[in-house]
Amino acid sequence: MFCSSCGIEVADNFRYCPQCGTSTGTAGFTSATGKPARTLSRPREDRKIAGVCAGIARYIGIDVTLVRILFLIFAVWPPTAGLIVYIVCWIVMPQDPLLLPPPRSAQAENATAAT
């Protein structure tokens, strides 16, 4: 891709031209599919109670054990602050969608029934 202002070649993943600073028009917070690159949600796997710590760790990109230890520290000192934040996150954070296998076609069911 080329910058529309100064004309130098710019990599496709750049949001701004490094030469003149003009926006390239590409959204930096989306992936190649057009969906947001990161979403804050509670995963269905790797959860202990509600998945809040696992979701926060996945969003930030750090180890889930560190997030769990921090929530535990904030639950003890200051008193109950971490517990209140955890419950609010449990209510506010959406859960990951349930991934179901694609439906079987009628031809596949007929083929298995014939054998």
N, C-alpha and C. Protein backbone atom coordinates (compact mmCIF):
# COMPACT_ATOMS: atom_id res chain seq x y z
N MET A 1 0.84 -1.15 0.00
CA MET A 1 0.00 0.00 0.00
C MET A 1 0.90 1.23 0.00
N PHE A 2 0.41 2.29 -0.61
CA PHE A 2 1.15 3.55 -0.68
C PHE A 2 0.38 4.64 0.04
N CYS A 3 1.11 5.55 0.68
CA CYS A 3 0.50 6.67 1.39
C CYS A 3 -0.15 7.61 0.38
N SER A 4 -1.37 8.04 0.67
CA SER A 4 -2.08 8.93 -0.25
C SER A 4 -1.57 10.37 -0.17
N SER A 5 -0.80 10.69 0.87
CA SER A 5 -0.31 12.05 1.03
C SER A 5 1.11 12.24 0.48
N CYS A 6 2.04 11.39 0.93
CA CYS A 6 3.44 11.58 0.52
C CYS A 6 3.90 10.56 -0.53
N GLY A 7 3.16 9.45 -0.71
CA GLY A 7 3.47 8.51 -1.77
C GLY A 7 4.47 7.43 -1.45
N ILE A 8 4.97 7.35 -0.22
CA ILE A 8 5.92 6.28 0.09
C ILE A 8 5.17 4.98 0.34
N GLU A 9 5.88 3.87 0.22
CA GLU A 9 5.26 2.57 0.45
C GLU A 9 5.15 2.31 1.95
N VAL A 10 3.95 1.87 2.37
CA VAL A 10 3.64 1.64 3.78
C VAL A 10 3.16 0.20 3.91
N ALA A 11 3.59 -0.49 4.96
CA ALA A 11 3.13 -1.85 5.19
C ALA A 11 1.62 -1.86 5.42
N ASP A 12 0.98 -2.98 5.08
CA ASP A 12 -0.48 -3.08 5.16
C ASP A 12 -1.01 -2.98 6.59
N ASN A 13 -0.22 -3.37 7.58
CA ASN A 13 -0.71 -3.35 8.95
C ASN A 13 -0.50 -2.01 9.65
N PHE A 14 0.09 -1.01 8.99
CA PHE A 14 0.30 0.30 9.60
C PHE A 14 -0.99 1.10 9.58
N ARG A 15 -1.26 1.79 10.70
CA ARG A 15 -2.43 2.65 10.76
C ARG A 15 -2.12 4.07 10.31
N TYR A 16 -0.85 4.47 10.43
CA TYR A 16 -0.41 5.81 10.04
C TYR A 16 0.86 5.71 9.21
N CYS A 17 1.06 6.65 8.33
CA CYS A 17 2.27 6.72 7.52
C CYS A 17 3.44 7.13 8.42
N PRO A 18 4.56 6.39 8.40
CA PRO A 18 5.69 6.76 9.25
C PRO A 18 6.40 8.03 8.77
N GLN A 19 6.20 8.42 7.53
CA GLN A 19 6.86 9.60 6.97
C GLN A 19 6.12 10.89 7.32
N CYS A 20 4.80 10.92 7.04
CA CYS A 20 4.05 12.17 7.23
C CYS A 20 2.98 12.10 8.32
N GLY A 21 2.64 10.91 8.80
CA GLY A 21 1.67 10.77 9.87
C GLY A 21 0.23 10.72 9.42
N THR A 22 -0.02 10.66 8.13
CA THR A 22 -1.38 10.59 7.62
C THR A 22 -1.98 9.22 7.90
N SER A 23 -3.26 9.20 8.25
CA SER A 23 -3.94 7.93 8.51
C SER A 23 -4.04 7.13 7.22
N THR A 24 -3.80 5.82 7.32
CA THR A 24 -3.89 4.96 6.14
C THR A 24 -5.31 4.46 5.90
N GLY A 25 -6.19 4.66 6.88
CA GLY A 25 -7.57 4.24 6.71
C GLY A 25 -7.84 2.81 7.13
N THR A 26 -6.83 2.11 7.62
CA THR A 26 -7.05 0.75 8.09
C THR A 26 -7.36 0.81 9.57
N ALA A 27 -8.28 -0.01 10.00
CA ALA A 27 -8.66 -0.05 11.41
C ALA A 27 -7.65 -0.90 12.15
N GLY A 28 -6.99 -0.35 13.13
CA GLY A 28 -5.95 -1.05 13.85
C GLY A 28 -6.45 -2.00 14.91
N PHE A 29 -7.71 -1.87 15.29
CA PHE A 29 -8.23 -2.70 16.37
C PHE A 29 -9.08 -3.85 15.86
N THR A 30 -9.01 -4.14 14.58
CA THR A 30 -9.76 -5.26 14.03
C THR A 30 -8.80 -6.26 13.42
N SER A 31 -9.23 -7.50 13.34
CA SER A 31 -8.42 -8.54 12.73
C SER A 31 -8.72 -8.59 11.24
N ALA A 32 -8.14 -9.56 10.56
CA ALA A 32 -8.34 -9.70 9.12
C ALA A 32 -9.78 -10.04 8.77
N THR A 33 -10.53 -10.63 9.70
CA THR A 33 -11.93 -10.97 9.44
C THR A 33 -12.86 -9.80 9.63
N GLY A 34 -12.37 -8.68 10.19
CA GLY A 34 -13.20 -7.52 10.42
C GLY A 34 -13.77 -7.46 11.81
N LYS A 35 -13.60 -8.52 12.59
CA LYS A 35 -14.07 -8.53 13.96
C LYS A 35 -13.02 -7.90 14.86
N PRO A 36 -13.42 -7.44 16.05
CA PRO A 36 -12.41 -6.88 16.96
C PRO A 36 -11.32 -7.88 17.27
N ALA A 37 -10.09 -7.40 17.38
CA ALA A 37 -8.96 -8.28 17.61
C ALA A 37 -9.02 -8.92 18.99
N ARG A 38 -9.47 -8.18 19.99
CA ARG A 38 -9.58 -8.70 21.36
C ARG A 38 -10.93 -8.29 21.92
N THR A 39 -11.56 -9.21 22.60
CA THR A 39 -12.80 -8.89 23.29
C THR A 39 -12.69 -9.37 24.73
N LEU A 40 -13.27 -8.61 25.63
CA LEU A 40 -13.27 -8.97 27.04
C LEU A 40 -14.49 -9.83 27.31
N SER A 41 -14.27 -11.11 27.49
CA SER A 41 -15.36 -12.03 27.77
C SER A 41 -14.85 -13.17 28.64
N ARG A 42 -15.79 -13.89 29.26
CA ARG A 42 -15.44 -15.00 30.13
C ARG A 42 -15.38 -16.28 29.30
N PRO A 43 -14.25 -16.98 29.31
CA PRO A 43 -14.15 -18.21 28.52
C PRO A 43 -14.94 -19.36 29.16
N ARG A 44 -15.30 -20.33 28.34
CA ARG A 44 -16.01 -21.51 28.84
C ARG A 44 -15.03 -22.57 29.36
N GLU A 45 -13.76 -22.47 28.98
CA GLU A 45 -12.74 -23.40 29.47
C GLU A 45 -11.75 -22.61 30.31
N ASP A 46 -10.93 -23.32 31.09
CA ASP A 46 -9.91 -22.70 31.94
C ASP A 46 -10.51 -21.74 32.96
N ARG A 47 -11.62 -22.14 33.55
CA ARG A 47 -12.25 -21.30 34.56
C ARG A 47 -12.32 -22.03 35.87
N LYS A 48 -12.25 -21.29 36.95
CA LYS A 48 -12.34 -21.88 38.28
C LYS A 48 -13.71 -21.63 38.89
N ILE A 49 -14.17 -20.38 38.93
CA ILE A 49 -15.48 -20.06 39.48
C ILE A 49 -16.38 -19.55 38.36
N ALA A 50 -16.09 -18.36 37.86
CA ALA A 50 -16.94 -17.79 36.81
C ALA A 50 -16.16 -17.46 35.54
N GLY A 51 -14.85 -17.58 35.57
CA GLY A 51 -14.04 -17.29 34.39
C GLY A 51 -13.62 -15.84 34.27
N VAL A 52 -13.86 -15.04 35.30
CA VAL A 52 -13.52 -13.62 35.24
C VAL A 52 -12.00 -13.44 35.13
N CYS A 53 -11.25 -14.10 35.98
CA CYS A 53 -9.79 -13.96 35.96
C CYS A 53 -9.20 -14.47 34.65
N ALA A 54 -9.73 -15.57 34.14
CA ALA A 54 -9.24 -16.11 32.87
C ALA A 54 -9.54 -15.17 31.72
N GLY A 55 -10.71 -14.53 31.74
CA GLY A 55 -11.05 -13.57 30.69
C GLY A 55 -10.19 -12.33 30.73
N ILE A 56 -9.94 -11.82 31.93
CA ILE A 56 -9.08 -10.63 32.06
C ILE A 56 -7.65 -10.97 31.65
N ALA A 57 -7.16 -12.13 32.05
CA ALA A 57 -5.80 -12.53 31.69
C ALA A 57 -5.66 -12.70 30.18
N ARG A 58 -6.66 -13.28 29.55
CA ARG A 58 -6.62 -13.46 28.09
C ARG A 58 -6.66 -12.11 27.39
N TYR A 59 -7.45 -11.17 27.89
CA TYR A 59 -7.57 -9.85 27.27
C TYR A 59 -6.28 -9.05 27.39
N ILE A 60 -5.67 -9.09 28.58
CA ILE A 60 -4.43 -8.34 28.81
C ILE A 60 -3.22 -9.05 28.22
N GLY A 61 -3.27 -10.39 28.20
CA GLY A 61 -2.15 -11.15 27.64
C GLY A 61 -1.14 -11.56 28.68
N ILE A 62 -1.60 -11.79 29.92
CA ILE A 62 -0.70 -12.24 30.98
C ILE A 62 -1.19 -13.57 31.53
N ASP A 63 -0.41 -14.14 32.43
CA ASP A 63 -0.73 -15.43 33.01
C ASP A 63 -1.95 -15.32 33.93
N VAL A 64 -2.84 -16.30 33.83
CA VAL A 64 -4.07 -16.27 34.62
C VAL A 64 -3.79 -16.41 36.11
N THR A 65 -2.73 -17.10 36.47
CA THR A 65 -2.39 -17.25 37.89
C THR A 65 -2.07 -15.90 38.53
N LEU A 66 -1.39 -15.04 37.82
CA LEU A 66 -1.08 -13.71 38.33
C LEU A 66 -2.36 -12.92 38.58
N VAL A 67 -3.31 -12.99 37.67
CA VAL A 67 -4.58 -12.27 37.85
C VAL A 67 -5.34 -12.83 39.04
N ARG A 68 -5.34 -14.15 39.20
CA ARG A 68 -6.03 -14.77 40.35
C ARG A 68 -5.40 -14.34 41.67
N ILE A 69 -4.08 -14.27 41.71
CA ILE A 69 -3.39 -13.83 42.94
C ILE A 69 -3.72 -12.37 43.23
N LEU A 70 -3.76 -11.52 42.21
CA LEU A 70 -4.10 -10.11 42.42
C LEU A 70 -5.52 -9.96 42.93
N PHE A 71 -6.47 -10.73 42.39
CA PHE A 71 -7.85 -10.66 42.88
C PHE A 71 -7.92 -11.14 44.32
N LEU A 72 -7.15 -12.15 44.66
CA LEU A 72 -7.14 -12.64 46.04
C LEU A 72 -6.58 -11.59 47.00
N ILE A 73 -5.52 -10.92 46.59
CA ILE A 73 -4.94 -9.86 47.42
C ILE A 73 -5.95 -8.72 47.60
N PHE A 74 -6.62 -8.32 46.52
CA PHE A 74 -7.60 -7.23 46.62
C PHE A 74 -8.86 -7.65 47.37
N ALA A 75 -9.12 -8.94 47.46
CA ALA A 75 -10.27 -9.40 48.25
C ALA A 75 -9.97 -9.30 49.74
N VAL A 76 -8.70 -9.41 50.11
CA VAL A 76 -8.31 -9.35 51.52
C VAL A 76 -8.00 -7.91 51.94
N TRP A 77 -7.25 -7.18 51.13
CA TRP A 77 -6.89 -5.82 51.47
C TRP A 77 -6.97 -4.92 50.27
N PRO A 78 -7.71 -3.88 50.22
CA PRO A 78 -8.69 -3.39 51.16
C PRO A 78 -9.87 -4.35 51.27
N PRO A 79 -10.47 -4.43 52.44
CA PRO A 79 -11.49 -5.45 52.69
C PRO A 79 -12.62 -5.45 51.66
N THR A 80 -12.82 -6.59 51.06
CA THR A 80 -13.89 -6.92 50.11
C THR A 80 -13.88 -6.13 48.80
N ALA A 81 -12.90 -5.28 48.56
CA ALA A 81 -12.87 -4.53 47.30
C ALA A 81 -12.73 -5.48 46.10
N GLY A 82 -11.84 -6.45 46.21
CA GLY A 82 -11.65 -7.40 45.13
C GLY A 82 -12.87 -8.27 44.91
N LEU A 83 -13.57 -8.61 45.98
CA LEU A 83 -14.78 -9.42 45.86
C LEU A 83 -15.88 -8.66 45.15
N ILE A 84 -16.03 -7.38 45.46
CA ILE A 84 -17.04 -6.56 44.80
C ILE A 84 -16.72 -6.39 43.32
N VAL A 85 -15.45 -6.13 43.00
CA VAL A 85 -15.04 -5.99 41.60
C VAL A 85 -15.27 -7.31 40.85
N TYR A 86 -14.97 -8.44 41.49
CA TYR A 86 -15.16 -9.74 40.86
C TYR A 86 -16.64 -9.99 40.54
N ILE A 87 -17.51 -9.68 41.49
CA ILE A 87 -18.95 -9.90 41.27
C ILE A 87 -19.48 -8.98 40.17
N VAL A 88 -19.02 -7.73 40.14
CA VAL A 88 -19.44 -6.81 39.08
C VAL A 88 -18.96 -7.32 37.72
N CYS A 89 -17.72 -7.78 37.64
CA CYS A 89 -17.19 -8.33 36.39
C CYS A 89 -17.96 -9.58 35.97
N TRP A 90 -18.35 -10.39 36.93
CA TRP A 90 -19.12 -11.60 36.65
C TRP A 90 -20.45 -11.23 36.00
N ILE A 91 -21.06 -10.16 36.46
CA ILE A 91 -22.35 -9.74 35.93
C ILE A 91 -22.19 -9.05 34.58
N VAL A 92 -21.17 -8.22 34.44
CA VAL A 92 -21.02 -7.37 33.25
C VAL A 92 -20.37 -8.10 32.08
N MET A 93 -19.36 -8.93 32.34
CA MET A 93 -18.61 -9.58 31.26
C MET A 93 -19.45 -10.66 30.60
N PRO A 94 -19.60 -10.62 29.27
CA PRO A 94 -20.36 -11.68 28.60
C PRO A 94 -19.54 -12.97 28.54
N GLN A 95 -20.24 -14.07 28.38
CA GLN A 95 -19.58 -15.37 28.27
C GLN A 95 -19.29 -15.65 26.80
N ASP A 96 -18.21 -16.39 26.52
CA ASP A 96 -17.90 -16.78 25.15
C ASP A 96 -19.07 -17.56 24.57
N PRO A 97 -19.33 -17.40 23.27
CA PRO A 97 -20.42 -18.17 22.67
C PRO A 97 -20.11 -19.66 22.67
N LEU A 98 -21.15 -20.45 22.75
CA LEU A 98 -21.01 -21.90 22.72
C LEU A 98 -20.79 -22.34 21.28
N LEU A 99 -19.68 -23.00 21.02
CA LEU A 99 -19.36 -23.44 19.67
C LEU A 99 -19.94 -24.83 19.44
N LEU A 100 -20.91 -24.90 18.55
CA LEU A 100 -21.56 -26.16 18.23
C LEU A 100 -21.03 -26.67 16.90
N PRO A 101 -21.02 -27.99 16.68
CA PRO A 101 -20.60 -28.51 15.38
C PRO A 101 -21.64 -28.14 14.33
N PRO A 102 -21.23 -28.06 13.06
CA PRO A 102 -22.18 -27.72 12.01
C PRO A 102 -23.24 -28.81 11.88
N PRO A 103 -24.45 -28.44 11.48
CA PRO A 103 -25.50 -29.44 11.36
C PRO A 103 -25.18 -30.44 10.25
N ARG A 104 -25.60 -31.66 10.46
CA ARG A 104 -25.38 -32.70 9.46
C ARG A 104 -26.37 -32.53 8.33
N SER A 105 -25.93 -32.76 7.13
CA SER A 105 -26.82 -32.63 5.97
C SER A 105 -27.66 -33.90 5.82
N ALA A 106 -28.75 -33.80 5.06
CA ALA A 106 -29.64 -34.94 4.85
C ALA A 106 -28.93 -36.03 4.05
N GLN A 107 -28.03 -35.66 3.15
CA GLN A 107 -27.30 -36.66 2.36
C GLN A 107 -26.39 -37.48 3.25
N ALA A 108 -25.75 -36.85 4.22
CA ALA A 108 -24.86 -37.59 5.12
C ALA A 108 -25.66 -38.54 5.99
N GLU A 109 -26.87 -38.13 6.41
CA GLU A 109 -27.70 -39.02 7.22
C GLU A 109 -28.20 -40.21 6.40
N ASN A 110 -28.54 -39.96 5.13
CA ASN A 110 -28.99 -41.07 4.27
C ASN A 110 -27.86 -42.04 3.98
N ALA A 111 -26.64 -41.54 3.83
CA ALA A 111 -25.50 -42.40 3.55
C ALA A 111 -25.18 -43.29 4.74
N THR A 112 -25.30 -42.76 5.95
CA THR A 112 -25.03 -43.58 7.13
C THR A 112 -26.16 -44.55 7.40
N ALA A 113 -27.39 -44.19 7.05
CA ALA A 113 -28.52 -45.08 7.26
C ALA A 113 -28.50 -46.25 6.27
N ALA A 114 -27.95 -46.02 5.06
CA ALA A 114 -27.92 -47.06 4.05
C ALA A 114 -26.87 -48.11 4.35
N THR A 115 -25.84 -47.78 5.11
CA THR A 115 -24.79 -48.75 5.40
C THR A 115 -25.06 -49.57 6.60
